[in-house]
C-alpha atoms as a PDB file:
ATOM      1  CA  MET A   1      61.426-103.017  10.830  1.00  0.00           C
ATOM      2  CA  THR A   2      61.547 -99.672  12.645  1.00  0.00           C
ATOM      3  CA  ARG A   3      61.805 -99.202  16.410  1.00  0.00           C
ATOM      4  CA  GLN A   4      58.939 -98.215  18.693  1.00  0.00           C
ATOM      5  CA  PRO A   5      60.764 -96.741  21.707  1.00  0.00           C
ATOM      6  CA  LEU A   6      58.089 -97.290  24.371  1.00  0.00           C
ATOM      7  CA  VAL A   7      57.406-100.898  23.434  1.00  0.00           C
ATOM      8  CA  ALA A   8      61.087-101.642  22.980  1.00  0.00           C
ATOM      9  CA  ARG A   9      62.017-100.147  26.348  1.00  0.00           C
ATOM     10  CA  ARG A  10      59.318-102.142  28.181  1.00  0.00           C
ATOM     11  CA  ALA A  11      60.487-105.381  26.607  1.00  0.00           C
ATOM     12  CA  GLU A  12      64.138-104.626  27.336  1.00  0.00           C
ATOM     13  CA  GLU A  13      63.353-104.111  31.020  1.00  0.00           C
ATOM     14  CA  LEU A  14      61.738-107.540  31.177  1.00  0.00           C
ATOM     15  CA  ILE A  15      64.164-109.674  29.184  1.00  0.00           C
ATOM     16  CA  GLY A  16      67.510-107.952  29.682  1.00  0.00           C
ATOM     17  CA  ALA A  17      68.357-107.755  25.973  1.00  0.00           C
ATOM     18  CA  SER A  18      68.380-104.794  23.615  1.00  0.00           C
ATOM     19  CA  VAL A  19      65.627-104.435  21.020  1.00  0.00           C
ATOM     20  CA  VAL A  20      67.107-103.558  17.630  1.00  0.00           C
ATOM     21  CA  ALA A  21      63.841-103.151  15.699  1.00  0.00           C
ATOM     22  CA  THR A  22      60.078-103.603  16.040  1.00  0.00           C
ATOM     23  CA  ALA A  23      57.172-104.250  13.696  1.00  0.00           C
ATOM     24  CA  PRO A  24      53.403-104.539  14.279  1.00  0.00           C
ATOM     25  CA  VAL A  25      51.812-107.985  14.052  1.00  0.00           C
ATOM     26  CA  ALA A  26      48.267-108.259  12.698  1.00  0.00           C
ATOM     27  CA  GLY A  27      45.584-110.630  13.906  1.00  0.00           C
ATOM     28  CA  GLY A  28      45.306-110.187  17.669  1.00  0.00           C
ATOM     29  CA  ASP A  29      41.693-110.086  18.885  1.00  0.00           C
ATOM     30  CA  VAL A  30      42.461-108.889  22.420  1.00  0.00           C
ATOM     31  CA  SER A  31      46.054-107.698  22.800  1.00  0.00           C
ATOM     32  CA  THR A  32      48.314-105.578  20.601  1.00  0.00           C
ATOM     33  CA  ALA A  33      51.234-107.647  19.311  1.00  0.00           C
ATOM     34  CA  THR A  34      54.625-106.351  18.221  1.00  0.00           C
ATOM     35  CA  LYS A  35      57.475-108.334  16.706  1.00  0.00           C
ATOM     36  CA  LEU A  36      60.922-107.656  18.163  1.00  0.00           C
ATOM     37  CA  ARG A  37      64.374-108.230  16.733  1.00  0.00           C
ATOM     38  CA  LEU A  38      66.801-108.567  19.628  1.00  0.00           C
ATOM     39  CA  SER A  39      70.500-107.799  19.865  1.00  0.00           C
ATOM     40  CA  THR A  40      71.074-111.484  20.654  1.00  0.00           C
ATOM     41  CA  GLY A  41      69.842-112.410  17.163  1.00  0.00           C
ATOM     42  CA  GLN A  42      66.646-113.863  18.582  1.00  0.00           C
ATOM     43  CA  THR A  43      63.192-112.775  17.410  1.00  0.00           C
ATOM     44  CA  ALA A  44      60.413-112.285  19.949  1.00  0.00           C
ATOM     45  CA  ILE A  45      56.879-110.981  20.213  1.00  0.00           C
ATOM     46  CA  VAL A  46      55.525-108.673  22.901  1.00  0.00           C
ATOM     47  CA  LYS A  47      51.824-108.525  23.747  1.00  0.00           C
ATOM     48  CA  THR A  48      50.374-105.450  25.428  1.00  0.00           C
ATOM     49  CA  LEU A  49      46.881-104.443  26.516  1.00  0.00           C
ATOM     50  CA  ASN A  50      45.801-101.090  27.874  1.00  0.00           C
ATOM     51  CA  HIS A  51      44.117-101.453  31.268  1.00  0.00           C
ATOM     52  CA  ALA A  52      44.657-105.203  31.327  1.00  0.00           C
ATOM     53  CA  PRO A  53      42.770-106.950  34.145  1.00  0.00           C
ATOM     54  CA  SER A  54      44.915-107.821  37.132  1.00  0.00           C
ATOM     55  CA  GLY A  55      46.823-111.047  36.475  1.00  0.00           C
ATOM     56  CA  PHE A  56      45.864-111.151  32.795  1.00  0.00           C
ATOM     57  CA  PHE A  57      49.329-111.710  31.317  1.00  0.00           C
ATOM     58  CA  GLU A  58      50.645-113.631  34.323  1.00  0.00           C
ATOM     59  CA  ARG A  59      47.892-116.225  33.921  1.00  0.00           C
ATOM     60  CA  GLU A  60      48.648-116.604  30.216  1.00  0.00           C
ATOM     61  CA  ALA A  61      52.341-117.077  30.959  1.00  0.00           C
ATOM     62  CA  ALA A  62      51.607-119.624  33.682  1.00  0.00           C
ATOM     63  CA  GLY A  63      49.339-121.540  31.298  1.00  0.00           C
ATOM     64  CA  LEU A  64      52.006-121.651  28.589  1.00  0.00           C
ATOM     65  CA  ARG A  65      54.601-122.886  31.056  1.00  0.00           C
ATOM     66  CA  TRP A  66      52.232-125.534  32.447  1.00  0.00           C
ATOM     67  CA  LEU A  67      51.471-126.838  28.973  1.00  0.00           C
ATOM     68  CA  GLY A  68      55.088-126.590  27.861  1.00  0.00           C
ATOM     69  CA  GLU A  69      56.557-128.590  30.746  1.00  0.00           C
ATOM     70  CA  VAL A  70      55.181-131.881  29.371  1.00  0.00           C
ATOM     71  CA  PRO A  71      57.934-133.917  27.641  1.00  0.00           C
ATOM     72  CA  GLY A  72      56.826-134.762  24.111  1.00  0.00           C
ATOM     73  CA  GLY A  73      53.728-132.588  24.434  1.00  0.00           C
ATOM     74  CA  VAL A  74      52.403-129.951  22.083  1.00  0.00           C
ATOM     75  CA  PRO A  75      54.936-127.132  21.517  1.00  0.00           C
ATOM     76  CA  VAL A  76      54.305-123.670  22.970  1.00  0.00           C
ATOM     77  CA  PRO A  77      56.343-120.483  22.577  1.00  0.00           C
ATOM     78  CA  GLU A  78      58.902-119.895  25.317  1.00  0.00           C
ATOM     79  CA  VAL A  79      57.992-117.233  27.870  1.00  0.00           C
ATOM     80  CA  LEU A  80      60.823-114.676  27.923  1.00  0.00           C
ATOM     81  CA  GLY A  81      59.297-112.177  30.338  1.00  0.00           C
ATOM     82  CA  VAL A  82      55.993-111.125  31.864  1.00  0.00           C
ATOM     83  CA  ASP A  83      54.496-108.490  34.142  1.00  0.00           C
ATOM     84  CA  GLU A  84      51.138-106.800  34.700  1.00  0.00           C
ATOM     85  CA  GLU A  85      51.420-104.787  31.492  1.00  0.00           C
ATOM     86  CA  CYS A  86      52.892-107.120  28.889  1.00  0.00           C
ATOM     87  CA  LEU A  87      54.097-110.573  27.912  1.00  0.00           C
ATOM     88  CA  VAL A  88      57.213-111.332  25.850  1.00  0.00           C
ATOM     89  CA  LEU A  89      57.388-114.656  24.006  1.00  0.00           C
ATOM     90  CA  ALA A  90      59.829-116.299  21.634  1.00  0.00           C
ATOM     91  CA  TRP A  91      58.722-115.788  18.043  1.00  0.00           C
ATOM     92  CA  VAL A  92      57.322-118.830  16.207  1.00  0.00           C
ATOM     93  CA  GLU A  93      58.442-118.580  12.594  1.00  0.00           C
ATOM     94  CA  PRO A  94      55.422-119.356  10.384  1.00  0.00           C
ATOM     95  CA  GLY A  95      55.441-122.590   8.441  1.00  0.00           C
ATOM     96  CA  ARG A  96      52.606-124.318   6.659  1.00  0.00           C
ATOM     97  CA  SER A  97      50.008-126.865   7.621  1.00  0.00           C
ATOM     98  CA  SER A  98      50.065-130.368   6.192  1.00  0.00           C
ATOM     99  CA  GLY A  99      48.434-133.683   6.882  1.00  0.00           C
ATOM    100  CA  ASP A 100      51.610-135.070   8.459  1.00  0.00           C
ATOM    101  CA  ALA A 101      52.057-132.000  10.662  1.00  0.00           C
ATOM    102  CA  ALA A 102      48.404-132.253  11.720  1.00  0.00           C
ATOM    103  CA  ALA A 103      48.778-135.915  12.686  1.00  0.00           C
ATOM    104  CA  GLU A 104      51.858-135.034  14.751  1.00  0.00           C
ATOM    105  CA  PHE A 105      49.879-132.233  16.396  1.00  0.00           C
ATOM    106  CA  GLY A 106      47.231-134.780  17.375  1.00  0.00           C
ATOM    107  CA  ARG A 107      49.846-137.057  18.900  1.00  0.00           C
ATOM    108  CA  THR A 108      51.532-134.291  20.892  1.00  0.00           C
ATOM    109  CA  LEU A 109      48.188-132.907  22.074  1.00  0.00           C
ATOM    110  CA  ALA A 110      47.272-136.358  23.379  1.00  0.00           C
ATOM    111  CA  VAL A 111      50.540-136.461  25.336  1.00  0.00           C
ATOM    112  CA  THR A 112      49.831-133.039  26.862  1.00  0.00           C
ATOM    113  CA  HIS A 113      46.299-134.065  27.830  1.00  0.00           C
ATOM    114  CA  ALA A 114      47.579-137.272  29.425  1.00  0.00           C
ATOM    115  CA  ALA A 115      49.870-135.302  31.763  1.00  0.00           C
ATOM    116  CA  GLY A 116      46.749-134.412  33.730  1.00  0.00           C
ATOM    117  CA  SER A 117      46.662-132.192  36.800  1.00  0.00           C
ATOM    118  CA  GLU A 118      48.711-132.278  39.972  1.00  0.00           C
ATOM    119  CA  THR A 119      45.659-132.341  42.244  1.00  0.00           C
ATOM    120  CA  GLY A 120      43.473-134.867  40.431  1.00  0.00           C
ATOM    121  CA  THR A 121      40.571-132.413  40.409  1.00  0.00           C
ATOM    122  CA  PHE A 122      39.008-130.401  37.600  1.00  0.00           C
ATOM    123  CA  GLY A 123      39.833-126.700  37.447  1.00  0.00           C
ATOM    124  CA  ALA A 124      42.899-124.717  38.466  1.00  0.00           C
ATOM    125  CA  GLU A 125      44.422-123.099  41.533  1.00  0.00           C
ATOM    126  CA  GLN A 126      43.777-119.608  40.162  1.00  0.00           C
ATOM    127  CA  GLU A 127      40.987-117.983  38.219  1.00  0.00           C
ATOM    128  CA  GLY A 128      41.789-117.252  34.595  1.00  0.00           C
ATOM    129  CA  PHE A 129      40.612-115.459  31.489  1.00  0.00           C
ATOM    130  CA  ILE A 130      39.108-116.411  28.166  1.00  0.00           C
ATOM    131  CA  GLY A 131      39.485-113.466  25.848  1.00  0.00           C
ATOM    132  CA  ARG A 132      38.957-110.563  28.237  1.00  0.00           C
ATOM    133  CA  LEU A 133      36.277-112.401  30.206  1.00  0.00           C
ATOM    134  CA  PRO A 134      36.998-113.834  33.661  1.00  0.00           C
ATOM    135  CA  LEU A 135      37.228-117.627  33.683  1.00  0.00           C
ATOM    136  CA  PRO A 136      36.132-119.285  36.957  1.00  0.00           C
ATOM    137  CA  ASN A 137      38.398-122.229  37.771  1.00  0.00           C
ATOM    138  CA  ARG A 138      37.601-123.200  41.367  1.00  0.00           C
ATOM    139  CA  PRO A 139      38.116-126.972  41.467  1.00  0.00           C
ATOM    140  CA  ALA A 140      35.309-129.519  41.415  1.00  0.00           C
ATOM    141  CA  PRO A 141      35.551-133.290  41.879  1.00  0.00           C
ATOM    142  CA  THR A 142      33.712-134.294  38.674  1.00  0.00           C
ATOM    143  CA  TRP A 143      33.704-132.928  35.150  1.00  0.00           C
ATOM    144  CA  ALA A 144      29.904-132.821  35.015  1.00  0.00           C
ATOM    145  CA  GLU A 145      29.818-130.538  38.071  1.00  0.00           C
ATOM    146  CA  PHE A 146      32.684-128.364  36.867  1.00  0.00           C
ATOM    147  CA  TYR A 147      31.251-127.997  33.366  1.00  0.00           C
ATOM    148  CA  ALA A 148      27.864-127.041  34.758  1.00  0.00           C
ATOM    149  CA  VAL A 149      28.811-124.546  37.474  1.00  0.00           C
ATOM    150  CA  ARG A 150      32.112-123.103  36.137  1.00  0.00           C
ATOM    151  CA  ARG A 151      31.400-123.067  32.414  1.00  0.00           C
ATOM    152  CA  LEU A 152      27.810-123.330  31.180  1.00  0.00           C
ATOM    153  CA  LEU A 153      25.799-121.556  33.875  1.00  0.00           C
ATOM    154  CA  PRO A 154      28.081-118.509  34.434  1.00  0.00           C
ATOM    155  CA  TYR A 155      28.318-117.688  30.726  1.00  0.00           C
ATOM    156  CA  LEU A 156      24.654-118.428  30.120  1.00  0.00           C
ATOM    157  CA  LYS A 157      23.813-115.879  32.826  1.00  0.00           C
ATOM    158  CA  LEU A 158      26.232-113.315  31.410  1.00  0.00           C
ATOM    159  CA  ALA A 159      24.884-113.808  27.881  1.00  0.00           C
ATOM    160  CA  SER A 160      21.339-113.419  29.190  1.00  0.00           C
ATOM    161  CA  ASP A 161      22.249-110.281  31.155  1.00  0.00           C
ATOM    162  CA  ARG A 162      23.764-108.797  27.994  1.00  0.00           C
ATOM    163  CA  GLY A 163      20.719-109.636  25.909  1.00  0.00           C
ATOM    164  CA  ALA A 164      22.780-112.004  23.763  1.00  0.00           C
ATOM    165  CA  VAL A 165      20.471-114.998  24.208  1.00  0.00           C
ATOM    166  CA  GLU A 166      16.669-115.082  24.135  1.00  0.00           C
ATOM    167  CA  PRO A 167      14.865-116.470  27.225  1.00  0.00           C
ATOM    168  CA  GLU A 168      13.597-119.573  25.391  1.00  0.00           C
ATOM    169  CA  ASP A 169      17.092-120.277  24.082  1.00  0.00           C
ATOM    170  CA  ALA A 170      18.573-119.810  27.539  1.00  0.00           C
ATOM    171  CA  ALA A 171      16.029-122.309  28.868  1.00  0.00           C
ATOM    172  CA  ALA A 172      17.080-124.809  26.197  1.00  0.00           C
ATOM    173  CA  VAL A 173      20.725-124.619  27.291  1.00  0.00           C
ATOM    174  CA  GLU A 174      19.852-124.739  30.996  1.00  0.00           C
ATOM    175  CA  ALA A 175      17.767-127.881  30.431  1.00  0.00           C
ATOM    176  CA  VAL A 176      20.937-129.764  29.494  1.00  0.00           C
ATOM    177  CA  VAL A 177      22.620-129.132  32.851  1.00  0.00           C
ATOM    178  CA  PRO A 178      20.710-131.789  34.883  1.00  0.00           C
ATOM    179  CA  ARG A 179      21.584-134.361  32.220  1.00  0.00           C
ATOM    180  CA  LEU A 180      25.359-133.789  32.217  1.00  0.00           C
ATOM    181  CA  THR A 181      26.107-136.550  34.701  1.00  0.00           C
ATOM    182  CA  ALA A 182      24.444-139.072  32.410  1.00  0.00           C
ATOM    183  CA  LEU A 183      25.821-137.600  29.185  1.00  0.00           C
ATOM    184  CA  LEU A 184      29.492-137.134  30.103  1.00  0.00           C
ATOM    185  CA  PRO A 185      31.798-140.126  30.653  1.00  0.00           C
ATOM    186  CA  GLU A 186      34.009-140.124  33.711  1.00  0.00           C
ATOM    187  CA  GLU A 187      37.683-139.634  32.897  1.00  0.00           C
ATOM    188  CA  PRO A 188      40.673-138.321  34.860  1.00  0.00           C
ATOM    189  CA  PRO A 189      41.329-134.584  34.429  1.00  0.00           C
ATOM    190  CA  ALA A 190      43.310-133.741  31.301  1.00  0.00           C
ATOM    191  CA  ARG A 191      45.806-130.883  30.939  1.00  0.00           C
ATOM    192  CA  LEU A 192      43.775-128.601  28.659  1.00  0.00           C
ATOM    193  CA  HIS A 193      44.675-125.609  26.546  1.00  0.00           C
ATOM    194  CA  GLY A 194      41.105-124.468  27.206  1.00  0.00           C
ATOM    195  CA  ASP A 195      40.622-122.067  24.273  1.00  0.00           C
ATOM    196  CA  LEU A 196      41.834-124.230  21.404  1.00  0.00           C
ATOM    197  CA  TRP A 197      40.115-122.729  18.392  1.00  0.00           C
ATOM    198  CA  ASN A 198      41.998-122.727  15.096  1.00  0.00           C
ATOM    199  CA  GLY A 199      43.255-119.156  15.611  1.00  0.00           C
ATOM    200  CA  ASN A 200      45.268-120.352  18.613  1.00  0.00           C
ATOM    201  CA  VAL A 201      47.081-123.005  16.584  1.00  0.00           C
ATOM    202  CA  VAL A 202      50.171-121.595  14.871  1.00  0.00           C
ATOM    203  CA  TRP A 203      51.758-123.672  12.147  1.00  0.00           C
ATOM    204  CA  GLY A 204      55.392-122.902  12.840  1.00  0.00           C
ATOM    205  CA  GLN A 205      58.435-124.229  11.032  1.00  0.00           C
ATOM    206  CA  ASP A 206      59.795-127.604  12.080  1.00  0.00           C
ATOM    207  CA  PRO A 207      63.557-127.268  12.762  1.00  0.00           C
ATOM    208  CA  ALA A 208      64.006-130.902  11.773  1.00  0.00           C
ATOM    209  CA  ALA A 209      62.261-130.374   8.420  1.00  0.00           C
ATOM    210  CA  PRO A 210      62.792-126.846   7.033  1.00  0.00           C
ATOM    211  CA  GLY A 211      59.741-125.517   5.232  1.00  0.00           C
ATOM    212  CA  GLN A 212      57.416-127.982   6.924  1.00  0.00           C
ATOM    213  CA  GLY A 213      54.862-126.928   9.509  1.00  0.00           C
ATOM    214  CA  ARG A 214      54.806-127.899  13.159  1.00  0.00           C
ATOM    215  CA  ALA A 215      51.789-126.881  15.189  1.00  0.00           C
ATOM    216  CA  HIS A 216      52.307-124.720  18.270  1.00  0.00           C
ATOM    217  CA  VAL A 217      49.541-123.523  20.574  1.00  0.00           C
ATOM    218  CA  ILE A 218      49.206-119.987  21.934  1.00  0.00           C
ATOM    219  CA  ASP A 219      46.845-117.896  24.097  1.00  0.00           C
ATOM    220  CA  PRO A 220      45.733-120.658  26.484  1.00  0.00           C
ATOM    221  CA  ALA A 221      42.988-120.598  29.095  1.00  0.00           C
ATOM    222  CA  ALA A 222      44.715-123.552  30.698  1.00  0.00           C
ATOM    223  CA  HIS A 223      43.079-125.728  33.341  1.00  0.00           C
ATOM    224  CA  ALA A 224      42.372-129.361  34.130  1.00  0.00           C
ATOM    225  CA  GLY A 225      39.267-130.539  32.319  1.00  0.00           C
ATOM    226  CA  HIS A 226      37.800-133.096  29.947  1.00  0.00           C
ATOM    227  CA  ARG A 227      40.049-133.728  26.955  1.00  0.00           C
ATOM    228  CA  GLU A 228      37.099-133.694  24.553  1.00  0.00           C
ATOM    229  CA  VAL A 229      36.766-129.926  25.185  1.00  0.00           C
ATOM    230  CA  ASP A 230      39.940-129.065  23.252  1.00  0.00           C
ATOM    231  CA  LEU A 231      38.966-131.377  20.395  1.00  0.00           C
ATOM    232  CA  ALA A 232      35.419-130.004  20.227  1.00  0.00           C
ATOM    233  CA  MET A 233      36.745-126.453  20.051  1.00  0.00           C
ATOM    234  CA  LEU A 234      39.123-127.367  17.224  1.00  0.00           C
ATOM    235  CA  ALA A 235      36.114-128.676  15.304  1.00  0.00           C
ATOM    236  CA  LEU A 236      33.908-125.649  16.007  1.00  0.00           C
ATOM    237  CA  PHE A 237      35.674-123.124  13.800  1.00  0.00           C
ATOM    238  CA  GLY A 238      37.443-125.459  11.405  1.00  0.00           C
ATOM    239  CA  LEU A 239      41.104-126.466  11.794  1.00  0.00           C
ATOM    240  CA  PRO A 240      42.994-127.501   8.623  1.00  0.00           C
ATOM    241  CA  HIS A 241      43.453-131.274   8.378  1.00  0.00           C
ATOM    242  CA  LEU A 242      41.296-131.887  11.458  1.00  0.00           C
ATOM    243  CA  ALA A 243      40.697-135.513  10.452  1.00  0.00           C
ATOM    244  CA  ARG A 244      44.453-136.125  10.549  1.00  0.00           C
ATOM    245  CA  VAL A 245      44.708-134.423  13.954  1.00  0.00           C
ATOM    246  CA  LEU A 246      42.086-136.794  15.327  1.00  0.00           C
ATOM    247  CA  GLU A 247      43.780-139.750  13.660  1.00  0.00           C
ATOM    248  CA  GLY A 248      47.083-138.903  15.348  1.00  0.00           C
ATOM    249  CA  TYR A 249      45.361-138.290  18.673  1.00  0.00           C
ATOM    250  CA  GLN A 250      43.623-141.666  18.628  1.00  0.00           C
ATOM    251  CA  GLU A 251      46.944-143.422  17.935  1.00  0.00           C
ATOM    252  CA  VAL A 252      48.222-142.230  21.321  1.00  0.00           C
ATOM    253  CA  ALA A 253      45.056-141.996  23.435  1.00  0.00           C
ATOM    254  CA  PRO A 254      41.863-143.526  21.983  1.00  0.00           C
ATOM    255  CA  LEU A 255      38.754-141.534  22.834  1.00  0.00           C
ATOM    256  CA  ALA A 256      35.824-142.967  24.775  1.00  0.00           C
ATOM    257  CA  GLU A 257      32.970-144.494  22.819  1.00  0.00           C
ATOM    258  CA  GLY A 258      30.454-141.944  21.582  1.00  0.00           C
ATOM    259  CA  TRP A 259      32.869-139.005  21.593  1.00  0.00           C
ATOM    260  CA  GLU A 260      31.576-137.785  18.213  1.00  0.00           C
ATOM    261  CA  ASP A 261      28.092-137.478  19.701  1.00  0.00           C
ATOM    262  CA  ARG A 262      29.446-135.297  22.518  1.00  0.00           C
ATOM    263  CA  ILE A 263      31.238-132.764  20.305  1.00  0.00           C
ATOM    264  CA  GLY A 264      28.222-130.451  20.350  1.00  0.00           C
ATOM    265  CA  LEU A 265      27.874-130.799  24.101  1.00  0.00           C
ATOM    266  CA  HIS A 266      31.397-129.509  24.618  1.00  0.00           C
ATOM    267  CA  GLN A 267      30.881-126.756  22.047  1.00  0.00           C
ATOM    268  CA  LEU A 268      28.170-125.170  24.196  1.00  0.00           C
ATOM    269  CA  PHE A 269      30.777-123.421  26.327  1.00  0.00           C
ATOM    270  CA  PRO A 270      32.670-121.638  23.500  1.00  0.00           C
ATOM    271  CA  LEU A 271      29.386-120.754  21.819  1.00  0.00           C
ATOM    272  CA  LEU A 272      28.185-119.079  25.025  1.00  0.00           C
ATOM    273  CA  VAL A 273      31.509-117.258  25.387  1.00  0.00           C
ATOM    274  CA  HIS A 274      31.123-115.948  21.837  1.00  0.00           C
ATOM    275  CA  ALA A 275      27.565-114.897  22.618  1.00  0.00           C
ATOM    276  CA  CYS A 276      28.874-112.896  25.592  1.00  0.00           C
ATOM    277  CA  LEU A 277      31.634-111.286  23.549  1.00  0.00           C
ATOM    278  CA  PHE A 278      30.056-110.797  20.128  1.00  0.00           C
ATOM    279  CA  GLY A 279      26.295-111.343  20.374  1.00  0.00           C
ATOM    280  CA  GLY A 280      24.943-112.190  16.958  1.00  0.00           C
ATOM    281  CA  ARG A 281      23.491-115.662  16.505  1.00  0.00           C
ATOM    282  CA  TYR A 282      25.829-117.428  18.913  1.00  0.00           C
ATOM    283  CA  GLY A 283      23.162-117.628  21.635  1.00  0.00           C
ATOM    284  CA  ALA A 284      20.631-119.128  19.234  1.00  0.00           C
ATOM    285  CA  ARG A 285      23.248-121.519  17.901  1.00  0.00           C
ATOM    286  CA  ALA A 286      24.034-122.716  21.437  1.00  0.00           C
ATOM    287  CA  ALA A 287      20.338-123.414  21.953  1.00  0.00           C
ATOM    288  CA  GLU A 288      20.115-125.356  18.686  1.00  0.00           C
ATOM    289  CA  VAL A 289      22.990-127.542  19.823  1.00  0.00           C
ATOM    290  CA  ALA A 290      21.572-127.946  23.328  1.00  0.00           C
ATOM    291  CA  ARG A 291      18.249-129.247  22.038  1.00  0.00           C
ATOM    292  CA  ARG A 292      20.023-132.271  20.558  1.00  0.00           C
ATOM    293  CA  TYR A 293      20.654-133.473  24.109  1.00  0.00           C
ATOM    294  CA  HIS A 294      17.174-133.026  25.556  1.00  0.00           C
END
């Protein structure tokens, strides 16, 4: 590891410890990540983003803290410092995935979901971000309403405005909205990660079992929502040992009847987000999924 003076100095101002060395970390889709070795012996990671939207890192930090405050819930990296320009987190030492670690992840995720929200409504007190896109979170009393007006319709409009979804495909997705009340079971709000694709699951080392993996979650778009959203997103892009995750989850909090049939319904939102961000076939894919529920 060498030492990048500007990054090191910014981190030192936030956390009050000297940075001995730095090294770039590959894999970030939005932010630039740098690994830090601190004078305390601790290892950390600092995330930076040029011209970050106002509140970008603060909302991520708040989401991590909200998820991490649940006893027995899914592990998250500790927030060491945050400001408008960067976020410093404790480093999660990579481990490896396994069926047992996946089942434990399912159990801890169920505990986090069950912690719910303080207000009993769906949404969050503040607006958020998913990737670099704004994430509307104004509360709504039912999941069907929230999912329609804070998730599907805003991103369908944005995808349409960007030419990322054809008019007939947009119509197919929009046709699902009036049916949401009938399609979605009523459940209390769950404490969601909100952007739980496989890239936001880090298989870190388990201190109790050296060499074994223990799943941590990172980069949340945290809010109160329907618990099937996190599970549907895990399935969308393929998490290792997903069957064991679901097995562990069901041990703690059995899912409502028909949840498998609703996976596609809750994948419409991330597919529309990807259409907004990346174009390609994501808009058409969202329409293909939507037509199953007509």
